[in-house]
Amino acid sequence: MTPLQSEVSRATFAQRFHARVGEPPMTYLTHWRMLLASEKLADLQLTIAGIAADVGYGSPFALSAAFKRRYGLSPAAYRQRHCRFGGGA
């Protein structure tokens, strides 16, 4: 549910979301995007740019920056380390 759908202010929405979920909306969204991206990296047919678009980033550079903050590796390095021999992400 978005603030517009619930007819509450953005601040109220964020407060209620945090109280219910345990983290701010953007933190939750970023966590979810990183989880999806890490799973998609196991599919070697997908490009980093395609994964970025699939999980809601405007560019592969934006995905890479967020991914590095979360995992300490670029998406390409993560893919190489975790998926090189067909292992899961």
PDB file of N, CA and C in Angstrom:
ATOM      1  N   MET A   1       0.844  -1.167   0.000  1.00  0.00           N
ATOM      2  CA  MET A   1       0.000   0.000   0.000  1.00  0.00           C
ATOM      3  C   MET A   1       0.896   1.240   0.000  1.00  0.00           C
ATOM      4  N   THR A   2       0.560   2.187  -0.825  1.00  0.00           N
ATOM      5  CA  THR A   2       1.332   3.426  -0.891  1.00  0.00           C
ATOM      6  C   THR A   2       0.629   4.506  -0.088  1.00  0.00           C
ATOM      7  N   PRO A   3       1.331   5.599   0.225  1.00  0.00           N
ATOM      8  CA  PRO A   3       0.680   6.696   0.952  1.00  0.00           C
ATOM      9  C   PRO A   3      -0.554   7.217   0.223  1.00  0.00           C
ATOM     10  N   LEU A   4      -0.509   7.263  -1.102  1.00  0.00           N
ATOM     11  CA  LEU A   4      -1.646   7.768  -1.877  1.00  0.00           C
ATOM     12  C   LEU A   4      -2.853   6.854  -1.705  1.00  0.00           C
ATOM     13  N   GLN A   5      -2.647   5.561  -1.759  1.00  0.00           N
ATOM     14  CA  GLN A   5      -3.744   4.611  -1.615  1.00  0.00           C
ATOM     15  C   GLN A   5      -4.334   4.629  -0.211  1.00  0.00           C
ATOM     16  N   SER A   6      -3.526   4.885   0.777  1.00  0.00           N
ATOM     17  CA  SER A   6      -4.005   4.858   2.151  1.00  0.00           C
ATOM     18  C   SER A   6      -4.467   6.224   2.643  1.00  0.00           C
ATOM     19  N   GLU A   7      -4.290   7.242   1.820  1.00  0.00           N
ATOM     20  CA  GLU A   7      -4.699   8.607   2.149  1.00  0.00           C
ATOM     21  C   GLU A   7      -4.080   9.116   3.447  1.00  0.00           C
ATOM     22  N   VAL A   8      -2.822   8.797   3.662  1.00  0.00           N
ATOM     23  CA  VAL A   8      -2.070   9.338   4.789  1.00  0.00           C
ATOM     24  C   VAL A   8      -0.824  10.014   4.232  1.00  0.00           C
ATOM     25  N   SER A   9      -0.207  10.832   5.047  1.00  0.00           N
ATOM     26  CA  SER A   9       1.014  11.505   4.608  1.00  0.00           C
ATOM     27  C   SER A   9       2.141  10.494   4.444  1.00  0.00           C
ATOM     28  N   ARG A  10       3.146  10.896   3.720  1.00  0.00           N
ATOM     29  CA  ARG A  10       4.322  10.045   3.526  1.00  0.00           C
ATOM     30  C   ARG A  10       4.966   9.712   4.873  1.00  0.00           C
ATOM     31  N   ALA A  11       5.047  10.709   5.748  1.00  0.00           N
ATOM     32  CA  ALA A  11       5.662  10.490   7.065  1.00  0.00           C
ATOM     33  C   ALA A  11       4.856   9.491   7.894  1.00  0.00           C
ATOM     34  N   THR A  12       3.536   9.623   7.864  1.00  0.00           N
ATOM     35  CA  THR A  12       2.684   8.694   8.607  1.00  0.00           C
ATOM     36  C   THR A  12       2.807   7.287   8.043  1.00  0.00           C
ATOM     37  N   PHE A  13       2.805   7.198   6.721  1.00  0.00           N
ATOM     38  CA  PHE A  13       2.985   5.896   6.080  1.00  0.00           C
ATOM     39  C   PHE A  13       4.304   5.269   6.520  1.00  0.00           C
ATOM     40  N   ALA A  14       5.389   6.054   6.471  1.00  0.00           N
ATOM     41  CA  ALA A  14       6.711   5.539   6.842  1.00  0.00           C
ATOM     42  C   ALA A  14       6.723   5.080   8.297  1.00  0.00           C
ATOM     43  N   GLN A  15       6.090   5.856   9.164  1.00  0.00           N
ATOM     44  CA  GLN A  15       6.013   5.492  10.587  1.00  0.00           C
ATOM     45  C   GLN A  15       5.268   4.176  10.783  1.00  0.00           C
ATOM     46  N   ARG A  16       4.132   4.054  10.126  1.00  0.00           N
ATOM     47  CA  ARG A  16       3.317   2.844  10.270  1.00  0.00           C
ATOM     48  C   ARG A  16       4.015   1.629   9.656  1.00  0.00           C
ATOM     49  N   PHE A  17       4.636   1.843   8.526  1.00  0.00           N
ATOM     50  CA  PHE A  17       5.368   0.765   7.863  1.00  0.00           C
ATOM     51  C   PHE A  17       6.486   0.268   8.770  1.00  0.00           C
ATOM     52  N   HIS A  18       7.251   1.214   9.317  1.00  0.00           N
ATOM     53  CA  HIS A  18       8.360   0.863  10.205  1.00  0.00           C
ATOM     54  C   HIS A  18       7.858   0.109  11.433  1.00  0.00           C
ATOM     55  N   ALA A  19       6.752   0.558  11.993  1.00  0.00           N
ATOM     56  CA  ALA A  19       6.197  -0.105  13.175  1.00  0.00           C
ATOM     57  C   ALA A  19       5.762  -1.534  12.854  1.00  0.00           C
ATOM     58  N   ARG A  20       5.204  -1.727  11.684  1.00  0.00           N
ATOM     59  CA  ARG A  20       4.694  -3.050  11.315  1.00  0.00           C
ATOM     60  C   ARG A  20       5.789  -3.987  10.814  1.00  0.00           C
ATOM     61  N   VAL A  21       6.711  -3.467   9.997  1.00  0.00           N
ATOM     62  CA  VAL A  21       7.710  -4.309   9.331  1.00  0.00           C
ATOM     63  C   VAL A  21       9.029  -4.348  10.093  1.00  0.00           C
ATOM     64  N   GLY A  22       9.324  -3.275  10.819  1.00  0.00           N
ATOM     65  CA  GLY A  22      10.553  -3.250  11.602  1.00  0.00           C
ATOM     66  C   GLY A  22      11.698  -2.498  10.959  1.00  0.00           C
ATOM     67  N   GLU A  23      11.461  -1.929   9.788  1.00  0.00           N
ATOM     68  CA  GLU A  23      12.473  -1.108   9.122  1.00  0.00           C
ATOM     69  C   GLU A  23      11.768  -0.111   8.215  1.00  0.00           C
ATOM     70  N   PRO A  24      12.449   0.992   7.873  1.00  0.00           N
ATOM     71  CA  PRO A  24      11.835   1.997   7.010  1.00  0.00           C
ATOM     72  C   PRO A  24      11.523   1.431   5.624  1.00  0.00           C
ATOM     73  N   PRO A  25      10.534   2.007   4.934  1.00  0.00           N
ATOM     74  CA  PRO A  25      10.150   1.500   3.616  1.00  0.00           C
ATOM     75  C   PRO A  25      11.303   1.406   2.614  1.00  0.00           C
ATOM     76  N   MET A  26      12.147   2.407   2.533  1.00  0.00           N
ATOM     77  CA  MET A  26      13.231   2.374   1.548  1.00  0.00           C
ATOM     78  C   MET A  26      14.281   1.327   1.902  1.00  0.00           C
ATOM     79  N   THR A  27      14.527   1.117   3.178  1.00  0.00           N
ATOM     80  CA  THR A  27      15.456   0.065   3.593  1.00  0.00           C
ATOM     81  C   THR A  27      14.901  -1.294   3.203  1.00  0.00           C
ATOM     82  N   TYR A  28      13.618  -1.494   3.439  1.00  0.00           N
ATOM     83  CA  TYR A  28      12.957  -2.744   3.073  1.00  0.00           C
ATOM     84  C   TYR A  28      13.015  -2.955   1.564  1.00  0.00           C
ATOM     85  N   LEU A  29      12.694  -1.912   0.807  1.00  0.00           N
ATOM     86  CA  LEU A  29      12.705  -2.009  -0.652  1.00  0.00           C
ATOM     87  C   LEU A  29      14.105  -2.333  -1.168  1.00  0.00           C
ATOM     88  N   THR A  30      15.109  -1.663  -0.635  1.00  0.00           N
ATOM     89  CA  THR A  30      16.487  -1.924  -1.062  1.00  0.00           C
ATOM     90  C   THR A  30      16.892  -3.354  -0.725  1.00  0.00           C
ATOM     91  N   HIS A  31      16.547  -3.810   0.464  1.00  0.00           N
ATOM     92  CA  HIS A  31      16.856  -5.189   0.855  1.00  0.00           C
ATOM     93  C   HIS A  31      16.204  -6.172  -0.120  1.00  0.00           C
ATOM     94  N   TRP A  32      14.938  -5.939  -0.433  1.00  0.00           N
ATOM     95  CA  TRP A  32      14.206  -6.818  -1.339  1.00  0.00           C
ATOM     96  C   TRP A  32      14.838  -6.812  -2.735  1.00  0.00           C
ATOM     97  N   ARG A  33      15.194  -5.631  -3.226  1.00  0.00           N
ATOM     98  CA  ARG A  33      15.842  -5.529  -4.539  1.00  0.00           C
ATOM     99  C   ARG A  33      17.176  -6.272  -4.569  1.00  0.00           C
ATOM    100  N   MET A  34      17.951  -6.154  -3.506  1.00  0.00           N
ATOM    101  CA  MET A  34      19.246  -6.836  -3.455  1.00  0.00           C
ATOM    102  C   MET A  34      19.064  -8.352  -3.423  1.00  0.00           C
ATOM    103  N   LEU A  35      18.068  -8.817  -2.689  1.00  0.00           N
ATOM    104  CA  LEU A  35      17.783 -10.246  -2.648  1.00  0.00           C
ATOM    105  C   LEU A  35      17.400 -10.751  -4.038  1.00  0.00           C
ATOM    106  N   LEU A  36      16.502 -10.041  -4.713  1.00  0.00           N
ATOM    107  CA  LEU A  36      16.101 -10.430  -6.066  1.00  0.00           C
ATOM    108  C   LEU A  36      17.285 -10.402  -7.021  1.00  0.00           C
ATOM    109  N   ALA A  37      18.090  -9.350  -6.937  1.00  0.00           N
ATOM    110  CA  ALA A  37      19.251  -9.236  -7.824  1.00  0.00           C
ATOM    111  C   ALA A  37      20.222 -10.384  -7.584  1.00  0.00           C
ATOM    112  N   SER A  38      20.486 -10.714  -6.324  1.00  0.00           N
ATOM    113  CA  SER A  38      21.433 -11.798  -6.040  1.00  0.00           C
ATOM    114  C   SER A  38      20.915 -13.127  -6.578  1.00  0.00           C
ATOM    115  N   GLU A  39      19.608 -13.343  -6.519  1.00  0.00           N
ATOM    116  CA  GLU A  39      19.031 -14.564  -7.084  1.00  0.00           C
ATOM    117  C   GLU A  39      19.129 -14.571  -8.607  1.00  0.00           C
ATOM    118  N   LYS A  40      18.849 -13.430  -9.229  1.00  0.00           N
ATOM    119  CA  LYS A  40      18.900 -13.341 -10.691  1.00  0.00           C
ATOM    120  C   LYS A  40      20.318 -13.499 -11.222  1.00  0.00           C
ATOM    121  N   LEU A  41      21.304 -13.134 -10.428  1.00  0.00           N
ATOM    122  CA  LEU A  41      22.693 -13.270 -10.876  1.00  0.00           C
ATOM    123  C   LEU A  41      23.083 -14.727 -11.118  1.00  0.00           C
ATOM    124  N   ALA A  42      22.343 -15.656 -10.543  1.00  0.00           N
ATOM    125  CA  ALA A  42      22.619 -17.075 -10.774  1.00  0.00           C
ATOM    126  C   ALA A  42      22.287 -17.485 -12.208  1.00  0.00           C
ATOM    127  N   ASP A  43      21.421 -16.713 -12.864  1.00  0.00           N
ATOM    128  CA  ASP A  43      21.067 -16.996 -14.261  1.00  0.00           C
ATOM    129  C   ASP A  43      22.078 -16.300 -15.158  1.00  0.00           C
ATOM    130  N   LEU A  44      23.018 -17.058 -15.671  1.00  0.00           N
ATOM    131  CA  LEU A  44      24.106 -16.478 -16.457  1.00  0.00           C
ATOM    132  C   LEU A  44      23.649 -15.939 -17.809  1.00  0.00           C
ATOM    133  N   GLN A  45      22.401 -16.202 -18.176  1.00  0.00           N
ATOM    134  CA  GLN A  45      21.857 -15.657 -19.423  1.00  0.00           C
ATOM    135  C   GLN A  45      21.425 -14.198 -19.256  1.00  0.00           C
ATOM    136  N   LEU A  46      21.208 -13.764 -18.025  1.00  0.00           N
ATOM    137  CA  LEU A  46      20.759 -12.395 -17.759  1.00  0.00           C
ATOM    138  C   LEU A  46      21.951 -11.457 -17.666  1.00  0.00           C
ATOM    139  N   THR A  47      21.813 -10.284 -18.261  1.00  0.00           N
ATOM    140  CA  THR A  47      22.863  -9.274 -18.160  1.00  0.00           C
ATOM    141  C   THR A  47      22.678  -8.473 -16.878  1.00  0.00           C
ATOM    142  N   ILE A  48      23.743  -7.825 -16.453  1.00  0.00           N
ATOM    143  CA  ILE A  48      23.657  -6.956 -15.270  1.00  0.00           C
ATOM    144  C   ILE A  48      22.669  -5.823 -15.545  1.00  0.00           C
ATOM    145  N   ALA A  49      22.701  -5.265 -16.751  1.00  0.00           N
ATOM    146  CA  ALA A  49      21.769  -4.190 -17.116  1.00  0.00           C
ATOM    147  C   ALA A  49      20.329  -4.693 -17.057  1.00  0.00           C
ATOM    148  N   GLY A  50      20.095  -5.897 -17.537  1.00  0.00           N
ATOM    149  CA  GLY A  50      18.752  -6.472 -17.492  1.00  0.00           C
ATOM    150  C   GLY A  50      18.284  -6.711 -16.074  1.00  0.00           C
ATOM    151  N   ILE A  51      19.181  -7.204 -15.240  1.00  0.00           N
ATOM    152  CA  ILE A  51      18.850  -7.430 -13.834  1.00  0.00           C
ATOM    153  C   ILE A  51      18.544  -6.099 -13.154  1.00  0.00           C
ATOM    154  N   ALA A  52      19.350  -5.081 -13.442  1.00  0.00           N
ATOM    155  CA  ALA A  52      19.116  -3.754 -12.855  1.00  0.00           C
ATOM    156  C   ALA A  52      17.708  -3.275 -13.183  1.00  0.00           C
ATOM    157  N   ALA A  53      17.325  -3.387 -14.447  1.00  0.00           N
ATOM    158  CA  ALA A  53      15.984  -2.959 -14.859  1.00  0.00           C
ATOM    159  C   ALA A  53      14.909  -3.815 -14.192  1.00  0.00           C
ATOM    160  N   ASP A  54      15.130  -5.118 -14.130  1.00  0.00           N
ATOM    161  CA  ASP A  54      14.150  -6.032 -13.534  1.00  0.00           C
ATOM    162  C   ASP A  54      13.867  -5.723 -12.069  1.00  0.00           C
ATOM    163  N   VAL A  55      14.875  -5.295 -11.333  1.00  0.00           N
ATOM    164  CA  VAL A  55      14.688  -5.067  -9.897  1.00  0.00           C
ATOM    165  C   VAL A  55      14.468  -3.597  -9.545  1.00  0.00           C
ATOM    166  N   GLY A  56      14.328  -2.753 -10.569  1.00  0.00           N
ATOM    167  CA  GLY A  56      13.906  -1.378 -10.320  1.00  0.00           C
ATOM    168  C   GLY A  56      14.980  -0.318 -10.299  1.00  0.00           C
ATOM    169  N   TYR A  57      16.161  -0.620 -10.803  1.00  0.00           N
ATOM    170  CA  TYR A  57      17.216   0.393 -10.876  1.00  0.00           C
ATOM    171  C   TYR A  57      17.271   0.967 -12.285  1.00  0.00           C
ATOM    172  N   GLY A  58      17.544   2.251 -12.389  1.00  0.00           N
ATOM    173  CA  GLY A  58      17.558   2.950 -13.664  1.00  0.00           C
ATOM    174  C   GLY A  58      18.775   2.660 -14.513  1.00  0.00           C
ATOM    175  N   SER A  59      19.797   2.105 -13.900  1.00  0.00           N
ATOM    176  CA  SER A  59      21.015   1.808 -14.654  1.00  0.00           C
ATOM    177  C   SER A  59      21.787   0.705 -13.945  1.00  0.00           C
ATOM    178  N   PRO A  60      22.670   0.035 -14.688  1.00  0.00           N
ATOM    179  CA  PRO A  60      23.513  -0.964 -14.029  1.00  0.00           C
ATOM    180  C   PRO A  60      24.462  -0.330 -13.014  1.00  0.00           C
ATOM    181  N   PHE A  61      24.797   0.937 -13.217  1.00  0.00           N
ATOM    182  CA  PHE A  61      25.685   1.635 -12.280  1.00  0.00           C
ATOM    183  C   PHE A  61      24.997   1.842 -10.932  1.00  0.00           C
ATOM    184  N   ALA A  62      23.707   2.186 -10.972  1.00  0.00           N
ATOM    185  CA  ALA A  62      22.954   2.364  -9.728  1.00  0.00           C
ATOM    186  C   ALA A  62      22.831   1.037  -8.982  1.00  0.00           C
ATOM    187  N   LEU A  63      22.544  -0.036  -9.715  1.00  0.00           N
ATOM    188  CA  LEU A  63      22.488  -1.358  -9.094  1.00  0.00           C
ATOM    189  C   LEU A  63      23.839  -1.718  -8.494  1.00  0.00           C
ATOM    190  N   SER A  64      24.897  -1.489  -9.241  1.00  0.00           N
ATOM    191  CA  SER A  64      26.232  -1.850  -8.780  1.00  0.00           C
ATOM    192  C   SER A  64      26.595  -1.126  -7.489  1.00  0.00           C
ATOM    193  N   ALA A  65      26.287   0.160  -7.416  1.00  0.00           N
ATOM    194  CA  ALA A  65      26.603   0.934  -6.208  1.00  0.00           C
ATOM    195  C   ALA A  65      25.843   0.386  -4.998  1.00  0.00           C
ATOM    196  N   ALA A  66      24.544   0.129  -5.171  1.00  0.00           N
ATOM    197  CA  ALA A  66      23.743  -0.402  -4.068  1.00  0.00           C
ATOM    198  C   ALA A  66      24.200  -1.811  -3.692  1.00  0.00           C
ATOM    199  N   PHE A  67      24.517  -2.603  -4.688  1.00  0.00           N
ATOM    200  CA  PHE A  67      24.943  -3.982  -4.458  1.00  0.00           C
ATOM    201  C   PHE A  67      26.264  -4.015  -3.698  1.00  0.00           C
ATOM    202  N   LYS A  68      27.184  -3.129  -4.072  1.00  0.00           N
ATOM    203  CA  LYS A  68      28.477  -3.056  -3.373  1.00  0.00           C
ATOM    204  C   LYS A  68      28.291  -2.655  -1.914  1.00  0.00           C
ATOM    205  N   ARG A  69      27.375  -1.714  -1.654  1.00  0.00           N
ATOM    206  CA  ARG A  69      27.101  -1.321  -0.270  1.00  0.00           C
ATOM    207  C   ARG A  69      26.562  -2.508   0.533  1.00  0.00           C
ATOM    208  N   ARG A  70      25.731  -3.303  -0.076  1.00  0.00           N
ATOM    209  CA  ARG A  70      25.081  -4.417   0.626  1.00  0.00           C
ATOM    210  C   ARG A  70      26.008  -5.624   0.802  1.00  0.00           C
ATOM    211  N   TYR A  71      26.687  -6.021  -0.284  1.00  0.00           N
ATOM    212  CA  TYR A  71      27.458  -7.267  -0.283  1.00  0.00           C
ATOM    213  C   TYR A  71      28.968  -7.077  -0.309  1.00  0.00           C
ATOM    214  N   GLY A  72      29.422  -5.858  -0.545  1.00  0.00           N
ATOM    215  CA  GLY A  72      30.861  -5.617  -0.599  1.00  0.00           C
ATOM    216  C   GLY A  72      31.514  -6.062  -1.892  1.00  0.00           C
ATOM    217  N   LEU A  73      30.698  -6.431  -2.867  1.00  0.00           N
ATOM    218  CA  LEU A  73      31.176  -6.871  -4.176  1.00  0.00           C
ATOM    219  C   LEU A  73      30.299  -6.264  -5.259  1.00  0.00           C
ATOM    220  N   SER A  74      30.862  -6.085  -6.434  1.00  0.00           N
ATOM    221  CA  SER A  74      30.034  -5.683  -7.567  1.00  0.00           C
ATOM    222  C   SER A  74      29.158  -6.872  -7.958  1.00  0.00           C
ATOM    223  N   PRO A  75      28.059  -6.632  -8.682  1.00  0.00           N
ATOM    224  CA  PRO A  75      27.250  -7.758  -9.144  1.00  0.00           C
ATOM    225  C   PRO A  75      28.057  -8.767  -9.963  1.00  0.00           C
ATOM    226  N   ALA A  76      28.955  -8.279 -10.812  1.00  0.00           N
ATOM    227  CA  ALA A  76      29.770  -9.186 -11.635  1.00  0.00           C
ATOM    228  C   ALA A  76      30.688 -10.039 -10.762  1.00  0.00           C
ATOM    229  N   ALA A  77      31.310  -9.432  -9.754  1.00  0.00           N
ATOM    230  CA  ALA A  77      32.191 -10.184  -8.854  1.00  0.00           C
ATOM    231  C   ALA A  77      31.386 -11.178  -8.021  1.00  0.00           C
ATOM    232  N   TYR A  78      30.203 -10.764  -7.572  1.00  0.00           N
ATOM    233  CA  TYR A  78      29.324 -11.661  -6.816  1.00  0.00           C
ATOM    234  C   TYR A  78      28.944 -12.861  -7.673  1.00  0.00           C
ATOM    235  N   ARG A  79      28.568 -12.586  -8.912  1.00  0.00           N
ATOM    236  CA  ARG A  79      28.195 -13.657  -9.839  1.00  0.00           C
ATOM    237  C   ARG A  79      29.364 -14.619 -10.035  1.00  0.00           C
ATOM    238  N   GLN A  80      30.535 -14.068 -10.240  1.00  0.00           N
ATOM    239  CA  GLN A  80      31.710 -14.907 -10.471  1.00  0.00           C
ATOM    240  C   GLN A  80      32.010 -15.773  -9.245  1.00  0.00           C
ATOM    241  N   ARG A  81      31.921 -15.182  -8.080  1.00  0.00           N
ATOM    242  CA  ARG A  81      32.252 -15.906  -6.847  1.00  0.00           C
ATOM    243  C   ARG A  81      31.202 -16.954  -6.492  1.00  0.00           C
ATOM    244  N   HIS A  82      29.928 -16.606  -6.653  1.00  0.00           N
ATOM    245  CA  HIS A  82      28.861 -17.475  -6.163  1.00  0.00           C
ATOM    246  C   HIS A  82      28.230 -18.371  -7.214  1.00  0.00           C
ATOM    247  N   CYS A  83      28.418 -18.073  -8.464  1.00  0.00           N
ATOM    248  CA  CYS A  83      27.677 -18.790  -9.498  1.00  0.00           C
ATOM    249  C   CYS A  83      28.572 -19.426 -10.544  1.00  0.00           C
ATOM    250  N   ARG A  84      29.856 -19.382 -10.360  1.00  0.00           N
ATOM    251  CA  ARG A  84      30.791 -19.814 -11.392  1.00  0.00           C
ATOM    252  C   ARG A  84      30.598 -21.269 -11.797  1.00  0.00           C
ATOM    253  N   PHE A  85      30.321 -22.127 -10.852  1.00  0.00           N
ATOM    254  CA  PHE A  85      30.214 -23.548 -11.160  1.00  0.00           C
ATOM    255  C   PHE A  85      28.786 -24.050 -11.012  1.00  0.00           C
ATOM    256  N   GLY A  86      27.842 -23.139 -11.252  1.00  0.00           N
ATOM    257  CA  GLY A  86      26.446 -23.545 -11.205  1.00  0.00           C
ATOM    258  C   GLY A  86      25.850 -23.559  -9.817  1.00  0.00           C
ATOM    259  N   GLY A  87      26.592 -23.055  -8.834  1.00  0.00           N
ATOM    260  CA  GLY A  87      26.063 -22.988  -7.481  1.00  0.00           C
ATOM    261  C   GLY A  87      25.038 -21.887  -7.362  1.00  0.00           C
ATOM    262  N   GLY A  88      24.205 -21.941  -6.368  1.00  0.00           N
ATOM    263  CA  GLY A  88      23.190 -20.921  -6.167  1.00  0.00           C
ATOM    264  C   GLY A  88      23.783 -19.656  -5.608  1.00  0.00           C
ATOM    265  N   ALA A  89      23.005 -18.587  -5.725  1.00  0.00           N
ATOM    266  CA  ALA A  89      23.438 -17.287  -5.209  1.00  0.00           C
ATOM    267  C   ALA A  89      23.268 -17.230  -3.719  1.00  0.00           C
TER     268      ALA A  89
END
